[in-house]
Amino acid sequence: MSDPVAVVDLGGDRSAIDAELTRVLPPASEELSPPLGDAVRYALAGPGKRLRGMLVLAAYRAVGGMGDAASLAAAVETLHAYSLVHDDLPCMDDDDVRRGRPTTHRAFGVTAATVAGVAMIPLGMRAAVRACDALHCGADATRAILRELAVAVGARGMIGGQLADIVAEETVVESELALDSIHRRKTGALIAACARVGALAAGGDAAAVDTLGAFATDLGLAFQIVDDVLDVTRTSVELGKTAGRDVALGKSTYPAAVGVDAAMARATALVHDGCDRLARAGLLTPALQRLADLVITRTR
């Protein structure tokens, strides 16, 4: 049997998502006047991994989706890009470099970046609605998809996790359970939603949606753990962003709590368990296996 990780090329999906991101707010659009529109387009065009969008596509296909879901993947990537813009602001992580270039607030100013980030939330949700219409998802599935995304980026998900992460800078969090709670909301909630959204768009049943969501929940926690490991083991040039920021900001991380080796062991175990769960349900496709592998083998 061939190795599923070796035969899957995700480059086509990445290119399709990039193309759809240019349509979220087209260059000719007068919807947001300069510099806000320019700041949004700058944030969306950053050369990212597109892991979240590719997860949407992989989950969609895993339950039998046959359409072109790249626009739905781009909607999720828009919401993710918003979080990066705000994460880099001076009142948050105060970073100057993201994806190998100046952060949005460095390029356009703090005010424009802040407002542009807020504007990207409705833009992402609107893109999701349009994608659902194009995929003929139906009213019930569309509502479920929008609910998943809203919860993932809200107080129960990404925003709440980011707040908990900031609060944790003032106190050392050594409990793995407490770290899990922060990471599962800050990073894991949107990644989990990606798999659920993809499955919902393809008409997957509740069992398939929940199984893919559980897999992606493990994937999301592993992703953040690896992110924290890379922050202390790689250079700024390698990462495309400022290395060592977690230590400088006093953030609570797995490497700080248990060490690099133990942190990577936890991430690897999470990915393995997630893939096993999919395999038992008959949902582990080569693309999902490849994305899981990338979470723990990536170098940036």
Protein backbone atom coordinates (compact mmCIF):
# COMPACT_ATOMS: atom_id res chain seq x y z
CA MET A 1 0.00 0.00 0.00
CA SER A 2 1.33 3.46 -0.87
CA ASP A 3 2.03 5.98 1.81
CA PRO A 4 -0.97 8.40 1.85
CA VAL A 5 1.20 11.25 3.11
CA ALA A 6 3.64 10.92 0.21
CA VAL A 7 1.09 10.96 -2.63
CA VAL A 8 -1.10 13.92 -1.70
CA ASP A 9 -0.26 17.30 -3.24
CA LEU A 10 -2.15 20.13 -1.55
CA GLY A 11 -0.73 22.84 -3.80
CA GLY A 12 -3.82 22.98 -5.98
CA ASP A 13 -6.10 23.52 -3.01
CA ARG A 14 -3.82 26.23 -1.66
CA SER A 15 -3.84 28.06 -5.00
CA ALA A 16 -7.63 27.78 -5.26
CA ILE A 17 -8.06 29.27 -1.78
CA ASP A 18 -5.65 32.11 -2.59
CA ALA A 19 -7.66 32.90 -5.73
CA GLU A 20 -10.91 33.00 -3.76
CA LEU A 21 -9.39 35.29 -1.13
CA THR A 22 -8.93 37.97 -3.81
CA ARG A 23 -12.71 37.89 -4.30
CA VAL A 24 -13.59 38.46 -0.63
CA LEU A 25 -12.90 42.16 -1.16
CA PRO A 26 -11.99 42.71 -4.84
CA PRO A 27 -9.43 45.41 -5.76
CA ALA A 28 -12.10 47.43 -7.54
CA SER A 29 -14.47 47.40 -4.57
CA GLU A 30 -15.44 50.74 -3.07
CA GLU A 31 -17.05 49.05 -0.08
CA LEU A 32 -14.19 50.04 2.21
CA SER A 33 -12.38 53.23 1.28
CA PRO A 34 -8.59 53.52 1.59
CA PRO A 35 -6.71 52.81 3.69
CA LEU A 36 -9.16 50.30 5.22
CA GLY A 37 -9.80 48.35 2.05
CA ASP A 38 -6.10 48.29 1.28
CA ALA A 39 -5.36 47.01 4.79
CA VAL A 40 -7.94 44.22 4.43
CA ARG A 41 -6.55 43.12 1.09
CA TYR A 42 -3.02 43.23 2.48
CA ALA A 43 -4.00 40.99 5.39
CA LEU A 44 -5.83 38.53 3.14
CA ALA A 45 -2.95 38.31 0.67
CA GLY A 46 -0.36 37.28 3.25
CA PRO A 47 1.43 34.08 2.13
CA GLY A 48 -0.03 31.76 4.77
CA LYS A 49 -0.17 27.99 5.14
CA ARG A 50 -3.94 27.91 4.42
CA LEU A 51 -4.19 24.87 6.69
CA ARG A 52 -7.62 25.88 7.94
CA GLY A 53 -9.01 26.33 4.46
CA MET A 54 -7.50 23.08 3.27
CA LEU A 55 -9.06 21.34 6.26
CA VAL A 56 -12.46 22.64 5.16
CA LEU A 57 -11.89 21.13 1.71
CA ALA A 58 -10.57 17.81 3.03
CA ALA A 59 -13.50 17.38 5.43
CA TYR A 60 -15.97 18.34 2.70
CA ARG A 61 -14.61 15.65 0.41
CA ALA A 62 -14.27 13.06 3.19
CA VAL A 63 -18.07 12.87 3.52
CA GLY A 64 -18.71 12.88 -0.21
CA GLY A 65 -18.77 16.54 -1.20
CA MET A 66 -18.34 16.89 -4.96
CA GLY A 67 -18.55 20.66 -5.51
CA ASP A 68 -15.96 23.42 -5.45
CA ALA A 69 -15.78 24.49 -1.80
CA ALA A 70 -12.76 26.79 -2.18
CA SER A 71 -14.91 29.87 -1.54
CA LEU A 72 -16.04 28.40 1.79
CA ALA A 73 -12.42 27.68 2.65
CA ALA A 74 -11.55 31.30 1.82
CA ALA A 75 -14.30 32.51 4.16
CA VAL A 76 -12.66 30.62 7.03
CA GLU A 77 -9.23 31.96 6.08
CA THR A 78 -10.68 35.49 6.17
CA LEU A 79 -11.75 35.01 9.78
CA HIS A 80 -8.34 33.57 10.60
CA ALA A 81 -6.59 36.53 8.95
CA TYR A 82 -8.64 38.91 11.08
CA SER A 83 -7.36 37.17 14.21
CA LEU A 84 -3.75 37.58 13.07
CA VAL A 85 -4.18 41.30 12.42
CA HIS A 86 -5.50 41.87 15.93
CA ASP A 87 -3.06 39.43 17.55
CA ASP A 88 -0.16 41.53 16.25
CA LEU A 89 -1.47 44.90 17.52
CA PRO A 90 0.57 46.82 20.14
CA CYS A 91 -2.11 46.17 22.77
CA MET A 92 -1.81 42.42 22.16
CA ASP A 93 1.46 40.75 21.11
CA ASP A 94 2.94 43.93 19.60
CA ASP A 95 4.66 42.20 16.70
CA ASP A 96 6.32 43.80 13.68
CA VAL A 97 6.55 40.84 11.29
CA ARG A 98 3.98 38.31 10.12
CA ARG A 99 4.35 35.82 7.28
CA GLY A 100 7.71 37.31 6.34
CA ARG A 101 6.55 40.92 5.91
CA PRO A 102 5.48 43.88 8.06
CA THR A 103 2.36 43.28 10.13
CA THR A 104 -0.77 45.09 9.00
CA HIS A 105 -0.54 47.78 11.65
CA ARG A 106 3.08 48.45 10.70
CA ALA A 107 2.10 48.82 7.07
CA PHE A 108 -1.09 50.86 7.53
CA GLY A 109 -1.11 52.16 11.10
CA VAL A 110 -2.78 50.91 14.26
CA THR A 111 -6.16 52.56 13.65
CA ALA A 112 -6.55 51.25 10.11
CA ALA A 113 -5.42 47.76 11.12
CA THR A 114 -7.79 47.64 14.08
CA VAL A 115 -10.82 48.68 12.03
CA ALA A 116 -9.79 46.49 9.10
CA GLY A 117 -9.61 43.48 11.42
CA VAL A 118 -13.12 44.15 12.70
CA ALA A 119 -14.37 44.58 9.12
CA MET A 120 -13.00 41.18 8.15
CA ILE A 121 -15.43 39.38 10.47
CA PRO A 122 -18.60 40.34 8.52
CA LEU A 123 -16.68 39.97 5.27
CA GLY A 124 -15.81 36.40 6.21
CA MET A 125 -19.36 35.59 7.27
CA ARG A 126 -20.75 37.10 4.05
CA ALA A 127 -18.28 35.03 2.05
CA ALA A 128 -19.51 31.94 3.90
CA VAL A 129 -23.13 32.71 3.01
CA ARG A 130 -22.25 33.17 -0.65
CA ALA A 131 -20.27 29.93 -0.63
CA CYS A 132 -23.17 28.04 0.92
CA ASP A 133 -25.50 29.42 -1.74
CA ALA A 134 -23.11 28.35 -4.50
CA LEU A 135 -22.85 24.86 -2.99
CA HIS A 136 -26.65 24.62 -2.59
CA CYS A 137 -26.27 23.78 1.08
CA GLY A 138 -29.84 24.65 2.00
CA ALA A 139 -31.12 26.88 4.78
CA ASP A 140 -30.58 24.45 7.66
CA ALA A 141 -26.97 23.63 6.74
CA THR A 142 -26.18 27.29 6.06
CA ARG A 143 -27.48 28.30 9.50
CA ALA A 144 -25.46 25.51 11.11
CA ILE A 145 -22.30 26.58 9.28
CA LEU A 146 -22.70 30.23 10.27
CA ARG A 147 -23.38 29.18 13.87
CA GLU A 148 -20.19 27.09 13.91
CA LEU A 149 -18.10 30.00 12.65
CA ALA A 150 -19.68 32.56 14.96
CA VAL A 151 -19.09 30.41 18.04
CA ALA A 152 -15.54 29.58 16.95
CA VAL A 153 -14.47 33.21 16.65
CA GLY A 154 -16.46 34.49 19.63
CA ALA A 155 -16.18 34.57 23.41
CA ARG A 156 -16.56 30.79 23.68
CA GLY A 157 -13.81 30.32 21.12
CA MET A 158 -11.01 32.42 19.69
CA ILE A 159 -11.74 35.75 21.41
CA GLY A 160 -12.28 34.14 24.81
CA GLY A 161 -9.12 32.08 24.38
CA GLN A 162 -7.11 35.15 23.44
CA LEU A 163 -8.34 36.94 26.57
CA ALA A 164 -7.41 33.95 28.72
CA ASP A 165 -3.99 33.90 27.07
CA ILE A 166 -3.42 37.56 27.93
CA VAL A 167 -4.54 37.06 31.54
CA ALA A 168 -2.18 34.09 31.80
CA GLU A 169 0.77 36.38 31.04
CA GLU A 170 0.39 37.72 34.57
CA THR A 171 0.37 34.29 36.23
CA VAL A 172 2.35 31.17 35.38
CA VAL A 173 0.04 28.42 34.15
CA GLU A 174 1.69 25.05 34.75
CA SER A 175 -1.35 22.76 34.63
CA GLU A 176 -1.69 20.97 31.30
CA LEU A 177 -5.46 21.05 31.76
CA ALA A 178 -5.43 24.85 32.07
CA LEU A 179 -3.12 25.18 29.06
CA ASP A 180 -5.40 22.90 27.06
CA SER A 181 -8.38 25.11 27.86
CA ILE A 182 -6.60 28.23 26.61
CA HIS A 183 -5.20 26.62 23.48
CA ARG A 184 -8.40 24.81 22.52
CA ARG A 185 -10.24 28.12 22.46
CA LYS A 186 -7.53 30.45 21.17
CA THR A 187 -6.41 28.23 18.28
CA GLY A 188 -8.34 24.99 18.38
CA ALA A 189 -11.89 26.35 18.15
CA LEU A 190 -11.58 27.69 14.61
CA ILE A 191 -9.60 24.65 13.42
CA ALA A 192 -12.29 22.35 14.83
CA ALA A 193 -14.97 24.47 13.15
CA CYS A 194 -13.20 24.06 9.80
CA ALA A 195 -13.74 20.30 9.80
CA ARG A 196 -17.31 20.60 11.02
CA VAL A 197 -18.14 23.29 8.46
CA GLY A 198 -16.70 21.24 5.62
CA ALA A 199 -18.71 18.19 6.65
CA LEU A 200 -21.90 20.22 7.07
CA ALA A 201 -21.50 21.78 3.62
CA ALA A 202 -21.30 18.31 2.09
CA GLY A 203 -24.44 17.14 3.88
CA GLY A 204 -22.62 14.93 6.36
CA ASP A 205 -24.69 13.33 9.12
CA ALA A 206 -24.29 14.26 12.78
CA ALA A 207 -21.93 11.37 13.49
CA ALA A 208 -19.57 12.33 10.67
CA VAL A 209 -19.65 16.01 11.63
CA ASP A 210 -18.89 15.21 15.28
CA THR A 211 -16.13 12.73 14.42
CA LEU A 212 -14.39 15.15 12.07
CA GLY A 213 -14.82 17.91 14.64
CA ALA A 214 -13.24 15.79 17.38
CA PHE A 215 -10.32 14.98 15.08
CA ALA A 216 -9.79 18.66 14.32
CA THR A 217 -10.07 19.56 18.00
CA ASP A 218 -7.05 17.35 18.66
CA LEU A 219 -5.36 18.82 15.59
CA GLY A 220 -5.95 22.36 16.83
CA LEU A 221 -4.36 21.74 20.21
CA ALA A 222 -1.42 19.99 18.57
CA PHE A 223 -1.02 22.94 16.17
CA GLN A 224 -0.73 25.44 19.03
CA ILE A 225 1.70 23.24 20.96
CA VAL A 226 3.94 22.97 17.89
CA ASP A 227 3.61 26.72 17.33
CA ASP A 228 4.93 27.31 20.85
CA VAL A 229 7.77 24.85 20.30
CA LEU A 230 8.81 26.56 17.07
CA ASP A 231 8.80 29.91 18.85
CA VAL A 232 11.67 28.75 21.06
CA THR A 233 13.53 26.49 18.61
CA ARG A 234 13.51 28.46 15.32
CA THR A 235 14.81 31.83 14.18
CA SER A 236 12.73 34.79 13.02
CA VAL A 237 13.91 34.22 9.45
CA GLU A 238 12.79 30.60 9.55
CA LEU A 239 9.42 31.45 11.06
CA GLY A 240 8.60 34.53 9.02
CA LYS A 241 7.69 36.24 12.29
CA THR A 242 9.51 37.31 15.43
CA ALA A 243 10.87 34.32 17.32
CA GLY A 244 10.97 34.24 21.12
CA ARG A 245 7.85 36.37 21.60
CA ASP A 246 6.22 33.90 23.99
CA VAL A 247 9.14 34.13 26.40
CA ALA A 248 9.38 37.90 26.03
CA LEU A 249 5.68 38.31 26.81
CA GLY A 250 5.70 35.76 29.63
CA LYS A 251 3.12 33.56 27.93
CA SER A 252 2.12 30.23 29.39
CA THR A 253 3.08 27.50 26.92
CA TYR A 254 3.64 23.76 26.81
CA PRO A 255 7.43 24.11 26.27
CA ALA A 256 7.63 26.38 29.31
CA ALA A 257 5.57 24.00 31.42
CA VAL A 258 6.90 20.57 30.40
CA GLY A 259 9.86 21.17 28.06
CA VAL A 260 10.26 20.94 24.29
CA ASP A 261 10.53 17.15 24.05
CA ALA A 262 7.49 16.45 26.18
CA ALA A 263 5.52 19.12 24.35
CA MET A 264 6.28 17.56 20.97
CA ALA A 265 5.41 14.13 22.34
CA ARG A 266 2.00 15.46 23.42
CA ALA A 267 1.39 17.04 20.01
CA THR A 268 2.35 13.83 18.22
CA ALA A 269 0.06 11.77 20.44
CA LEU A 270 -2.86 14.12 19.81
CA VAL A 271 -2.45 13.86 16.05
CA HIS A 272 -2.11 10.08 16.23
CA ASP A 273 -5.25 9.76 18.36
CA GLY A 274 -7.18 12.05 16.05
CA CYS A 275 -6.23 10.05 12.97
CA ASP A 276 -7.10 6.80 14.73
CA ARG A 277 -10.54 8.21 15.49
CA LEU A 278 -11.11 9.03 11.83
CA ALA A 279 -9.81 5.66 10.69
CA ARG A 280 -12.22 3.79 12.96
CA ALA A 281 -15.08 5.78 11.44
CA GLY A 282 -13.88 5.20 7.88
CA LEU A 283 -13.23 8.92 7.37
CA LEU A 284 -9.43 9.09 7.26
CA THR A 285 -8.61 10.20 3.72
CA PRO A 286 -5.10 10.77 2.36
CA ALA A 287 -5.69 14.53 2.43
CA LEU A 288 -6.72 14.52 6.10
CA GLN A 289 -3.74 12.31 6.94
CA ARG A 290 -1.45 14.71 5.09
CA LEU A 291 -2.79 17.76 6.93
CA ALA A 292 -2.42 15.97 10.27
CA ASP A 293 1.17 15.13 9.42
CA LEU A 294 1.92 18.71 8.45
CA VAL A 295 0.79 19.96 11.86
CA ILE A 296 3.65 18.19 13.60
CA THR A 297 6.32 18.28 10.86
CA ARG A 298 6.03 21.92 9.82
CA THR A 299 8.98 24.22 10.44
CA ARG A 300 7.13 27.55 10.53
